[in-house]
Amino acid sequence: MRTKLPDQIKSLVLQQWLQGTSRDAIATNNGLSAGAVTSIVSEWRQVLGSATAFELRELARNLKRVTLSPAQCTVGVRAALAMVKL
């Protein structure tokens, strides 16, 4: 019988997946099987929509690469939009 994983573990798995961490590394980091990681990500992708989930992952990976936080990115976008309006 499968036991339900706590939402906190699912959240950690999804955060690591969004950061671009490999499935096997996520499994090791959280004491899960690779299949459990795949199931968590697949369930989330199904709810959110596969294309949106992958776009979010790409955004997160790119922000990490250029060392920007989501908050910093938001401020930058707002500033750019304000300048366009001028």
Protein backbone atom coordinates (compact mmCIF):
# COMPACT_ATOMS: atom_id res chain seq x y z
CA MET A 1 0.00 0.00 0.00
CA ARG A 2 1.33 3.43 -0.94
CA THR A 3 1.59 6.04 1.75
CA LYS A 4 0.80 9.65 0.97
CA LEU A 5 3.88 11.84 0.98
CA PRO A 6 3.71 15.00 3.08
CA ASP A 7 3.10 18.20 1.14
CA GLN A 8 6.37 19.57 2.52
CA ILE A 9 8.34 16.79 0.76
CA LYS A 10 6.41 17.35 -2.46
CA SER A 11 7.17 21.05 -2.25
CA LEU A 12 10.91 20.38 -1.79
CA VAL A 13 10.89 18.01 -4.75
CA LEU A 14 9.18 20.58 -6.96
CA GLN A 15 11.53 23.37 -5.85
CA GLN A 16 14.55 21.25 -6.73
CA TRP A 17 13.00 20.22 -10.06
CA LEU A 18 12.33 23.86 -10.92
CA GLN A 19 15.97 24.65 -10.15
CA GLY A 20 17.03 22.11 -12.74
CA THR A 21 18.22 19.40 -10.35
CA SER A 22 18.23 15.92 -11.89
CA ARG A 23 15.59 13.38 -10.92
CA ASP A 24 18.17 11.05 -9.36
CA ALA A 25 19.72 13.86 -7.31
CA ILE A 26 16.29 14.97 -6.09
CA ALA A 27 15.53 11.39 -5.08
CA THR A 28 18.79 11.11 -3.15
CA ASN A 29 18.35 14.52 -1.50
CA ASN A 30 14.90 13.62 -0.21
CA GLY A 31 15.23 9.91 0.50
CA LEU A 32 12.81 8.97 -2.26
CA SER A 33 12.88 6.67 -5.24
CA ALA A 34 13.38 8.16 -8.69
CA GLY A 35 9.90 6.92 -9.55
CA ALA A 36 8.40 8.85 -6.64
CA VAL A 37 10.08 12.03 -7.89
CA THR A 38 8.72 11.41 -11.39
CA SER A 39 5.23 10.86 -9.97
CA ILE A 40 5.32 14.08 -7.95
CA VAL A 41 6.51 16.15 -10.91
CA SER A 42 4.07 14.46 -13.30
CA GLU A 43 1.13 15.08 -10.99
CA TRP A 44 2.07 18.76 -10.65
CA ARG A 45 2.59 19.11 -14.41
CA GLN A 46 -0.80 17.56 -15.06
CA VAL A 47 -2.53 20.03 -12.74
CA LEU A 48 -0.61 23.06 -14.00
CA GLY A 49 -0.21 22.09 -17.63
CA SER A 50 2.94 20.58 -19.07
CA ALA A 51 3.97 23.59 -21.16
CA THR A 52 3.55 26.00 -18.25
CA ALA A 53 5.51 23.72 -15.91
CA PHE A 54 8.44 23.53 -18.32
CA GLU A 55 8.34 27.29 -18.92
CA LEU A 56 8.53 27.87 -15.16
CA ARG A 57 11.47 25.47 -14.93
CA GLU A 58 13.30 27.30 -17.73
CA LEU A 59 12.63 30.65 -16.07
CA ALA A 60 13.92 29.40 -12.72
CA ARG A 61 17.02 27.87 -14.30
CA ASN A 62 17.79 31.09 -16.20
CA LEU A 63 17.29 33.24 -13.12
CA LYS A 64 19.66 30.99 -11.21
CA ARG A 65 22.21 31.17 -14.04
CA VAL A 66 22.24 34.97 -14.01
CA THR A 67 21.97 35.08 -10.19
CA LEU A 68 18.68 36.95 -10.00
CA SER A 69 15.91 36.24 -7.55
CA PRO A 70 12.28 36.20 -8.76
CA ALA A 71 11.74 39.44 -6.80
CA GLN A 72 14.68 41.12 -8.55
CA CYS A 73 13.35 39.95 -11.91
CA THR A 74 9.95 41.43 -11.12
CA VAL A 75 11.46 44.79 -10.21
CA GLY A 76 13.45 44.76 -13.44
CA VAL A 77 10.42 43.96 -15.57
CA ARG A 78 8.38 46.69 -13.86
CA ALA A 79 11.17 49.20 -14.43
CA ALA A 80 11.48 48.20 -18.08
CA LEU A 81 7.71 48.52 -18.61
CA ALA A 82 7.72 51.94 -16.94
CA MET A 83 10.50 53.09 -19.27
CA VAL A 84 8.59 51.82 -22.31
CA LYS A 85 5.57 53.88 -21.25
CA LEU A 86 7.71 57.01 -21.13
